[in-house]
Protein backbone atom coordinates (compact mmCIF):
# COMPACT_ATOMS: atom_id res chain seq x y z
CA MET A 1 0.00 0.00 0.00
CA SER A 2 1.43 3.38 -0.97
CA THR A 3 2.67 5.57 1.87
CA ASN A 4 2.23 8.68 -0.30
CA ARG A 5 -1.53 8.50 -0.14
CA THR A 6 -3.09 11.89 0.49
CA THR A 7 -5.55 11.93 3.33
CA ARG A 8 -7.93 14.70 4.16
CA ARG A 9 -5.85 15.60 7.22
CA SER A 10 -2.51 15.61 5.36
CA PHE A 11 -4.02 17.71 2.57
CA PHE A 12 -5.02 20.47 4.96
CA GLN A 13 -1.71 20.26 6.83
CA ARG A 14 0.26 20.79 3.63
CA MET A 15 -2.10 23.51 2.50
CA MET A 16 -1.60 25.41 5.77
CA ASP A 17 2.18 25.09 5.41
CA GLY A 18 1.85 26.64 2.02
CA VAL A 19 -0.35 29.45 3.31
CA HIS A 20 2.10 30.21 6.13
CA GLY A 21 5.03 30.15 3.74
CA ALA A 22 3.26 32.38 1.26
CA ALA A 23 2.37 34.82 4.03
CA LEU A 24 5.95 34.92 5.28
CA ALA A 25 7.31 35.40 1.75
CA SER A 26 4.80 38.19 1.20
CA LEU A 27 5.88 39.97 4.38
CA LEU A 28 9.57 39.67 3.54
CA GLN A 29 9.00 40.84 -0.02
CA ALA A 30 6.94 43.81 1.17
CA ASP A 31 9.71 44.86 3.57
CA ARG A 32 12.33 44.48 0.85
CA ALA A 33 10.27 46.45 -1.67
CA SER A 34 9.60 49.20 0.87
CA ALA A 35 13.28 49.56 1.73
CA ALA A 36 14.32 49.60 -1.93
CA ALA A 37 11.73 52.22 -2.83
CA ALA A 38 12.83 54.53 -0.01
CA TYR A 39 16.53 54.07 -0.45
CA ASP A 40 17.87 57.38 -1.76
CA LEU A 41 18.53 60.95 -0.67
CA THR A 42 17.31 62.79 -3.75
CA PRO A 43 14.95 65.67 -2.93
CA LYS A 44 11.37 64.54 -2.36
CA ARG A 45 8.17 66.53 -2.52
CA PRO A 46 6.61 67.30 0.87
CA HIS A 47 2.94 66.62 1.50
CA PHE A 48 2.15 70.34 1.31
CA GLU A 49 3.97 73.65 0.95
CA PRO A 50 6.51 73.82 3.80
CA LYS A 51 7.58 76.75 5.94
CA ALA A 52 10.98 75.22 6.74
CA LYS A 53 13.53 73.62 4.43
CA SER A 54 16.04 72.63 7.11
CA VAL A 55 16.27 72.03 10.86
CA ILE A 56 18.93 72.82 13.45
CA HIS A 57 18.34 70.94 16.70
CA LEU A 58 20.17 72.33 19.73
CA PHE A 59 20.00 69.44 22.17
CA MET A 60 20.94 70.18 25.79
CA ASN A 61 21.70 66.81 27.35
CA GLY A 62 21.03 66.60 31.07
CA GLY A 63 17.80 68.56 31.46
CA PRO A 64 17.95 72.39 31.66
CA SER A 65 16.10 73.70 34.71
CA GLN A 66 12.97 75.50 33.52
CA VAL A 67 12.37 77.26 36.85
CA ASP A 68 15.86 78.78 36.73
CA LEU A 69 15.99 79.65 33.03
CA PHE A 70 12.68 80.03 31.20
CA ASP A 71 9.73 79.74 33.57
CA PRO A 72 9.71 82.27 36.45
CA LYS A 73 7.85 81.09 39.55
CA PRO A 74 7.37 83.80 42.21
CA ALA A 75 5.44 81.29 44.33
CA LEU A 76 8.69 79.43 44.98
CA LYS A 77 9.90 82.42 46.98
CA LYS A 78 6.71 82.34 49.02
CA HIS A 79 7.15 78.64 49.78
CA ALA A 80 10.95 78.73 50.12
CA GLY A 81 12.21 76.34 52.78
CA SER A 82 8.94 74.48 53.20
CA ALA A 83 8.66 70.71 52.77
CA PRO A 84 7.46 69.44 49.39
CA SER A 85 4.11 67.72 49.02
CA ARG A 86 3.76 63.94 48.98
CA ASP A 87 2.87 64.17 45.26
CA ILE A 88 6.31 65.62 44.51
CA VAL A 89 8.25 63.31 46.83
CA ASN A 90 6.67 60.24 45.19
CA GLN A 91 8.14 61.29 41.84
CA ILE A 92 11.70 61.90 42.99
CA GLU A 93 14.41 59.58 41.69
CA PHE A 94 16.70 60.05 44.70
CA ALA A 95 14.22 60.02 47.59
CA ASP A 96 16.98 60.01 50.22
CA GLN A 97 18.22 63.39 48.97
CA VAL A 98 14.94 65.33 49.07
CA GLY A 99 15.33 68.89 50.28
CA VAL A 100 12.89 71.79 50.49
CA MET A 101 11.12 74.15 48.10
CA MET A 102 13.89 76.19 46.44
CA PRO A 103 13.41 79.42 44.49
CA SER A 104 15.82 80.25 41.70
CA PRO A 105 19.03 82.01 42.75
CA PHE A 106 18.88 84.02 39.51
CA GLU A 107 16.85 87.05 38.51
CA PHE A 108 14.43 86.95 35.59
CA LYS A 109 14.37 89.84 33.14
CA ARG A 110 12.03 90.92 30.35
CA TYR A 111 13.49 90.89 26.86
CA GLY A 112 12.42 92.14 23.46
CA GLN A 113 9.31 94.02 22.43
CA CYS A 114 7.30 90.98 23.51
CA GLY A 115 8.54 91.35 27.10
CA MET A 116 9.34 87.67 27.40
CA GLU A 117 10.77 86.70 30.79
CA MET A 118 13.87 84.55 31.02
CA THR A 119 16.97 84.25 33.16
CA GLU A 120 19.60 86.94 33.49
CA LEU A 121 22.12 84.23 32.46
CA MET A 122 20.93 84.31 28.84
CA PRO A 123 21.12 87.93 27.64
CA HIS A 124 22.06 86.91 24.09
CA LEU A 125 19.03 84.67 23.72
CA GLY A 126 17.07 87.51 25.30
CA SER A 127 18.28 89.85 22.55
CA VAL A 128 16.43 87.71 19.98
CA ALA A 129 13.38 86.98 22.15
CA ASP A 130 11.06 88.34 19.47
CA GLU A 131 12.10 85.45 17.19
CA VAL A 132 11.51 82.70 19.77
CA ALA A 133 8.41 80.78 20.88
CA PHE A 134 8.62 79.24 24.34
CA ILE A 135 6.63 76.07 25.05
CA ARG A 136 6.46 76.09 28.84
CA SER A 137 4.14 73.09 29.07
CA THR A 138 6.22 70.29 27.51
CA TYR A 139 6.07 67.01 29.40
CA GLY A 140 7.80 63.64 29.13
CA GLU A 141 7.20 60.07 30.22
CA HIS A 142 10.22 58.97 32.25
CA PHE A 143 12.54 60.41 34.92
CA ASN A 144 15.75 58.65 33.78
CA HIS A 145 18.08 60.04 31.14
CA GLU A 146 18.34 57.06 28.79
CA PRO A 147 14.61 56.46 28.17
CA SER A 148 13.96 60.20 28.02
CA LEU A 149 16.67 60.71 25.39
CA TYR A 150 15.20 57.90 23.32
CA LEU A 151 11.79 59.57 23.62
CA MET A 152 13.02 63.00 22.56
CA HIS A 153 15.07 61.65 19.66
CA SER A 154 12.86 58.83 18.37
CA GLY A 155 9.36 59.13 19.86
CA ARG A 156 9.60 56.10 22.16
CA THR A 157 11.41 55.42 25.44
CA LEU A 158 12.95 52.29 23.88
CA PRO A 159 16.15 51.89 21.84
CA GLY A 160 16.32 50.80 18.22
CA ARG A 161 13.97 53.29 16.57
CA PRO A 162 14.87 55.88 13.90
CA SER A 163 15.91 59.33 15.10
CA LEU A 164 14.39 62.70 14.20
CA GLY A 165 16.95 63.45 11.51
CA ALA A 166 16.54 60.00 9.99
CA TRP A 167 12.78 60.49 9.67
CA VAL A 168 13.18 63.94 8.15
CA THR A 169 15.73 62.84 5.55
CA TYR A 170 13.65 59.74 4.76
CA GLY A 171 10.68 62.01 4.10
CA LEU A 172 12.40 64.83 2.23
CA GLY A 173 15.84 63.73 1.03
CA SER A 174 18.47 66.42 0.64
CA GLU A 175 19.02 69.52 -1.49
CA ASN A 176 22.78 68.89 -1.63
CA GLN A 177 24.00 65.53 -2.92
CA ASN A 178 27.63 66.37 -2.11
CA LEU A 179 27.08 66.60 1.64
CA PRO A 180 25.26 64.30 4.08
CA ALA A 181 21.57 65.05 4.48
CA TYR A 182 21.79 64.59 8.27
CA VAL A 183 24.86 65.94 10.07
CA VAL A 184 25.70 65.53 13.76
CA LEU A 185 28.06 67.97 15.50
CA ASP A 186 28.86 66.35 18.84
CA ASP A 187 31.16 67.83 21.45
CA PRO A 188 34.89 66.96 21.31
CA LYS A 189 34.82 66.56 25.11
CA GLY A 190 32.48 63.60 25.05
CA LEU A 191 29.45 61.90 23.55
CA PRO A 192 25.97 62.35 25.02
CA ILE A 193 24.10 59.69 26.95
CA ASN A 194 23.03 56.81 24.65
CA LEU A 195 26.06 57.65 22.49
CA THR A 196 25.56 57.27 18.72
CA GLN A 197 22.10 55.75 19.16
CA ASN A 198 20.79 59.32 19.31
CA TRP A 199 21.28 59.68 15.55
CA GLN A 200 20.76 56.13 14.32
CA SER A 201 18.42 55.16 11.47
CA GLY A 202 16.97 52.18 13.37
CA TRP A 203 15.04 50.01 10.93
CA LEU A 204 14.94 52.73 8.28
CA PRO A 205 17.52 52.12 5.55
CA PRO A 206 21.00 52.90 6.94
CA ILE A 207 21.56 55.76 4.51
CA TYR A 208 19.32 57.95 6.69
CA GLN A 209 21.45 57.79 9.85
CA GLY A 210 23.37 60.86 10.99
CA THR A 211 26.92 61.53 9.84
CA ARG A 212 29.28 62.83 12.53
CA PHE A 213 31.42 65.83 11.60
CA ARG A 214 34.29 66.83 13.85
CA SER A 215 34.43 70.47 14.91
CA GLU A 216 38.20 70.36 15.40
CA GLY A 217 40.69 69.48 12.67
CA LEU A 218 39.42 67.79 9.52
CA PRO A 219 35.63 67.33 9.65
CA LEU A 220 36.08 63.70 8.61
CA LEU A 221 39.13 61.49 9.01
CA ASN A 222 40.83 60.35 5.80
CA LEU A 223 38.84 62.90 3.82
CA ARG A 224 41.81 63.84 1.65
CA PRO A 225 43.46 61.21 -0.60
CA PRO A 226 47.01 60.21 0.42
CA GLU A 227 48.33 61.38 -2.95
CA GLU A 228 47.02 63.54 -5.74
CA LEU A 229 46.39 61.63 -8.99
CA PRO A 230 45.39 62.84 -12.47
CA SER A 231 41.63 63.27 -12.82
CA PRO A 232 41.21 60.63 -15.60
CA LEU A 233 42.95 58.04 -13.41
CA VAL A 234 40.79 58.92 -10.39
CA GLU A 235 37.61 58.58 -12.49
CA ALA A 236 38.79 55.24 -13.91
CA GLN A 237 39.38 53.96 -10.36
CA ARG A 238 35.92 55.03 -9.28
CA GLU A 239 34.26 53.44 -12.32
CA LEU A 240 36.00 50.15 -11.57
CA LEU A 241 34.84 50.35 -7.96
CA ARG A 242 31.26 50.99 -9.10
CA GLU A 243 31.36 47.88 -11.28
CA LEU A 244 32.82 45.75 -8.48
CA ASP A 245 30.26 47.08 -6.00
CA ALA A 246 27.40 46.31 -8.39
CA ALA A 247 28.64 42.75 -8.89
CA HIS A 248 29.11 42.23 -5.14
CA LEU A 249 25.61 43.57 -4.45
CA ALA A 250 23.97 41.39 -7.12
CA GLN A 251 25.37 38.27 -5.45
CA ARG A 252 24.00 39.19 -2.01
CA PRO A 253 20.36 40.31 -2.35
CA MET A 254 19.53 39.41 1.26
CA HIS A 255 21.99 42.08 2.48
CA ALA A 256 21.04 44.67 -0.12
CA GLY A 257 19.98 47.39 2.33
CA ASP A 258 23.21 47.47 4.31
CA LEU A 259 25.39 47.05 1.21
CA GLU A 260 23.59 49.80 -0.71
CA ALA A 261 24.06 52.14 2.26
CA ARG A 262 27.75 51.34 2.43
CA VAL A 263 28.24 51.88 -1.30
CA ALA A 264 26.30 55.15 -1.14
CA SER A 265 28.47 56.27 1.80
CA TYR A 266 31.67 55.59 -0.14
CA GLU A 267 30.35 57.48 -3.16
CA LEU A 268 29.29 60.38 -0.95
CA ALA A 269 32.74 60.40 0.69
CA ALA A 270 34.32 60.86 -2.73
CA ARG A 271 32.03 63.80 -3.54
CA MET A 272 32.64 65.30 -0.09
CA GLN A 273 36.41 65.66 -0.57
CA LEU A 274 35.83 69.18 -1.81
CA SER A 275 32.35 70.04 -0.52
CA ALA A 276 32.83 69.16 3.16
CA THR A 277 36.18 70.89 3.40
CA ASP A 278 34.72 74.06 1.94
CA ALA A 279 31.51 73.93 3.99
CA LEU A 280 33.33 73.71 7.31
CA ASP A 281 36.24 76.03 6.59
CA LEU A 282 35.55 78.74 9.15
CA THR A 283 38.57 80.79 8.04
CA GLN A 284 36.34 82.00 5.22
CA GLU A 285 34.22 83.90 7.76
CA THR A 286 34.87 87.54 8.64
CA GLU A 287 36.44 88.43 11.95
CA ALA A 288 33.20 90.17 12.94
CA THR A 289 31.27 86.92 12.41
CA ARG A 290 33.81 84.89 14.35
CA GLU A 291 33.59 87.39 17.19
CA MET A 292 29.78 87.31 17.14
CA TYR A 293 29.79 83.52 17.66
CA GLY A 294 32.41 83.73 20.42
CA LEU A 295 35.18 81.92 18.55
CA ASN A 296 37.79 84.15 20.21
CA GLU A 297 36.69 83.32 23.76
CA GLU A 298 37.59 80.15 25.62
CA ALA A 299 34.14 79.66 27.15
CA THR A 300 32.21 79.89 23.87
CA GLN A 301 34.74 78.75 21.29
CA SER A 302 33.71 75.10 21.06
CA TYR A 303 29.94 75.56 20.92
CA GLY A 304 30.35 78.69 18.83
CA ARG A 305 32.27 76.75 16.19
CA ARG A 306 29.50 74.19 15.94
CA CYS A 307 26.77 76.82 15.71
CA LEU A 308 28.67 78.53 12.91
CA MET A 309 29.23 75.19 11.18
CA ALA A 310 25.50 74.53 11.42
CA ARG A 311 24.73 77.80 9.67
CA ARG A 312 27.20 77.02 6.89
CA LEU A 313 25.69 73.55 6.44
CA VAL A 314 22.05 74.64 6.14
CA GLU A 315 23.24 77.43 3.88
CA ARG A 316 24.44 74.67 1.53
CA GLY A 317 21.26 72.63 1.60
CA VAL A 318 21.89 70.16 4.42
CA ARG A 319 18.47 69.08 5.68
CA PHE A 320 19.02 68.32 9.39
CA VAL A 321 21.86 69.42 11.69
CA GLN A 322 22.03 68.32 15.31
CA LEU A 323 24.27 69.87 17.95
CA PHE A 324 25.13 68.06 21.16
CA ILE A 325 26.81 69.37 24.29
CA GLU A 326 29.61 67.72 26.26
CA GLY A 327 28.28 64.76 28.25
CA GLN A 328 25.24 65.93 30.20
CA ILE A 329 26.36 69.21 31.69
CA TRP A 330 22.78 70.36 32.35
CA ASP A 331 22.29 67.50 34.85
CA THR A 332 22.51 69.79 37.88
CA HIS A 333 21.88 67.42 40.82
CA SER A 334 24.23 69.57 42.92
CA ASN A 335 26.07 72.88 42.60
CA LEU A 336 23.11 74.28 40.67
CA GLU A 337 24.17 77.92 40.67
CA LYS A 338 27.77 77.26 39.62
CA ASP A 339 26.91 74.70 36.95
CA LEU A 340 24.11 76.70 35.34
CA ARG A 341 26.42 79.69 35.04
CA TYR A 342 28.92 77.44 33.24
CA CYS A 343 26.28 75.97 30.88
CA CYS A 344 24.80 79.32 29.95
CA ALA A 345 28.21 80.96 29.51
CA LYS A 346 29.12 78.17 27.08
CA THR A 347 25.97 78.23 24.92
CA ASP A 348 24.09 81.53 25.21
CA LYS A 349 26.27 83.76 23.02
CA PRO A 350 26.62 81.23 20.16
CA ILE A 351 22.86 80.53 20.12
CA GLY A 352 22.00 84.23 20.01
CA ALA A 353 24.55 84.68 17.23
CA LEU A 354 23.11 81.78 15.23
CA ILE A 355 19.61 83.28 15.24
CA ARG A 356 20.85 86.78 14.34
CA ASP A 357 23.17 85.46 11.64
CA LEU A 358 20.48 83.33 10.01
CA LYS A 359 18.14 86.31 10.02
CA GLN A 360 20.61 88.77 8.50
CA ARG A 361 21.42 86.26 5.72
CA GLY A 362 17.76 85.63 4.93
CA LEU A 363 17.94 82.03 6.16
CA LEU A 364 15.83 82.25 9.32
CA GLY A 365 12.66 82.18 7.22
CA SER A 366 13.57 78.73 5.90
CA THR A 367 15.41 77.24 8.90
CA LEU A 368 13.64 75.83 11.95
CA ILE A 369 15.61 75.92 15.20
CA LEU A 370 14.64 73.49 17.97
CA TYR A 371 15.92 73.75 21.56
CA SER A 372 15.28 70.99 24.06
CA GLY A 373 16.67 68.80 26.78
CA GLU A 374 15.25 65.40 27.63
CA PHE A 375 13.33 66.82 30.63
CA GLY A 376 13.49 69.65 33.18
CA ARG A 377 14.20 69.82 36.91
CA MET A 378 12.21 69.71 40.14
CA PRO A 379 11.26 72.91 42.02
CA ILE A 380 12.76 71.51 45.24
CA SER A 381 16.37 71.26 46.30
CA GLN A 382 18.38 68.09 46.09
CA LEU A 383 21.03 67.60 48.76
CA ARG A 384 24.09 65.53 47.89
CA ALA A 385 27.07 65.06 50.15
CA GLY A 386 29.98 67.29 49.28
CA GLY A 387 28.12 69.74 47.08
CA ALA A 388 25.80 72.72 47.14
CA ALA A 389 22.09 72.23 46.49
CA GLY A 390 20.87 71.14 43.08
CA ARG A 391 17.66 69.82 41.52
CA ASP A 392 16.50 66.31 40.60
CA HIS A 393 15.00 65.27 37.24
CA GLY A 394 11.58 66.72 36.41
CA PRO A 395 9.78 65.25 33.38
CA GLY A 396 6.33 66.46 34.43
CA GLY A 397 6.66 69.96 33.01
CA PHE A 398 9.55 71.76 31.30
CA THR A 399 10.34 74.30 28.62
CA THR A 400 11.35 73.75 25.02
CA TRP A 401 11.47 76.40 22.33
CA MET A 402 11.38 76.90 18.59
CA ALA A 403 12.51 79.76 16.39
CA GLY A 404 12.68 80.56 12.71
CA ALA A 405 10.65 79.21 9.82
CA GLY A 406 6.90 79.42 10.41
CA ILE A 407 7.22 80.29 14.11
CA LYS A 408 5.34 83.18 15.73
CA GLY A 409 8.19 84.86 17.57
CA GLY A 410 7.76 86.41 21.00
CA THR A 411 5.15 83.78 21.90
CA ILE A 412 4.71 81.88 25.16
CA HIS A 413 2.57 78.76 24.98
CA GLY A 414 1.27 76.74 27.91
CA ALA A 415 2.11 76.86 31.59
CA THR A 416 3.19 74.74 34.52
CA ASP A 417 1.60 74.93 37.97
CA GLU A 418 2.51 77.73 40.36
CA ILE A 419 5.77 76.07 41.43
CA GLY A 420 6.87 74.76 38.00
CA HIS A 421 6.35 71.08 38.79
CA LYS A 422 3.75 69.91 36.24
CA ALA A 423 2.46 71.13 32.90
CA VAL A 424 -1.18 72.11 33.51
CA GLU A 425 -2.23 74.50 30.74
CA ASN A 426 -2.15 73.66 27.01
CA ARG A 427 0.06 70.66 27.66
CA VAL A 428 2.48 69.64 24.86
CA SER A 429 3.76 66.08 24.68
CA VAL A 430 7.04 65.15 23.03
CA HIS A 431 4.93 63.65 20.23
CA ASP A 432 3.23 67.04 19.76
CA PHE A 433 6.68 68.63 19.59
CA HIS A 434 7.68 66.17 16.84
CA ALA A 435 4.40 66.60 14.96
CA THR A 436 4.88 70.38 14.91
CA MET A 437 8.41 70.03 13.52
CA LEU A 438 7.17 67.74 10.73
CA HIS A 439 4.27 70.08 9.95
CA LEU A 440 6.63 73.02 9.45
CA LEU A 441 8.62 70.86 7.02
CA GLY A 442 5.47 70.22 5.00
CA LEU A 443 4.98 66.67 6.30
CA ARG A 444 1.81 65.24 7.81
CA PHE A 445 2.96 63.22 10.78
CA ARG A 446 0.29 60.56 10.23
CA ASP A 447 1.31 60.12 6.59
CA LEU A 448 5.08 59.99 7.08
CA ALA A 449 5.26 56.22 7.48
CA PHE A 450 7.56 53.30 6.78
CA THR A 451 6.23 49.79 6.26
CA ARG A 452 7.91 47.27 8.53
CA HIS A 453 6.51 43.77 9.04
CA SER A 454 3.35 45.02 7.29
CA LEU A 455 2.92 47.73 9.94
CA SER A 456 2.97 51.45 9.16
CA GLU A 457 5.61 52.83 11.51
CA ARG A 458 5.71 56.56 12.32
CA LEU A 459 7.84 58.99 14.32
CA THR A 460 4.81 59.66 16.51
CA ASP A 461 4.05 55.90 16.53
CA GLN A 462 0.42 55.17 17.44
CA TYR A 463 0.29 57.88 20.10
CA PRO A 464 -2.22 60.72 19.79
CA ALA A 465 -0.39 63.83 18.67
CA ARG A 466 -1.27 67.29 17.46
CA VAL A 467 0.43 70.22 15.77
CA VAL A 468 0.93 73.09 18.25
CA ARG A 469 -0.66 75.67 15.96
CA GLU A 470 -0.72 78.34 18.66
CA ILE A 471 3.00 79.02 18.09
CA LEU A 472 2.77 79.10 14.29
CA ALA A 473 2.86 82.35 12.32
């Protein structure tokens, strides 16, 4: 009797295997097709007419204290020295270091025609207050740095997702094919928390990840060839490499995404040999410009260089530029007064110069500037052995701001409670912050999606989000 006889049960078992296999093949093919279709940096049409063509993100790792810098709270003086409520104590990370209600040691001043109040430590930002919109009601989801950085940079508190710049360049491509679409200017003194994951592409094609440029010395190592060769010979070498790369890629279709990104990076590196050197050559700037950015002062030289580099990059069509600060200097758990003076002295003059310079060159109308940390600080003191009082992490309510393209300058949106602890009026989530950025770039946040495992992934994920139209011009 034949053992190959088909029974009713075996028929349906084999049929189900086939269905499962077909479904799996369909999913894999859909992912592959999606990645291939998205895999380039040529300029793409936005969903609607944009206000902004490029973004400069000034990220202040550590959590700038809103109640000391941007959000004056007279009630803290009234309650100074009193014990915090149970509601506040229950949200403290270091419960054994809880102090008392602590007013800011700094004075707040009114700046600009709008009369916006901010700290005396930021007179240069104050000088351009009429270009800036404060969002005093931003709130986060976590009180630790790592999850909060992931949230601010990718929309979730988990690692592995694409960053802001990756999403923007995926959606819009780049106006300049001789420079990276997404440039990261990190601090020579140290990487931020979460290191290079802050500018990764996640599961987007690797070509959309950020490219680090150094602010000291050559912007990229090995940018110049070891020896100068005649142009025909150089072009012949590159043509041979293109043919070899194409053959290598054709033999490895399962690794096409990573290989295509690597090939594209090598080709971009060749084009950058002239473009990147020129873009970041600050000796081309006038002495007055260098002075304006603080390049002649020790305190502001490093951050000033990066702000000036950011202006030169967006001037040349780079889509997204991200500036990081050394380590997490805004993490003022102790020595609040001393450390905030250091942070503001390092960044205030260059930031004010960047906004003024973009405006005088006619670039502010097309460049969106974002300023944020991963959270703010608590309105109570934190007492650590061996140091003066500081403040613990405060994700419940903090200040972010935007300036430039499409922004209604001199605007204050939202509010925290009377002591600056929680956002209570016109609250703005990090997802709202992201949605507003995408809107100004002409992108609908619900429609900017990438198909992964047959799911439509978004920067704002499945969270409810809205555009903060109150700060738009």
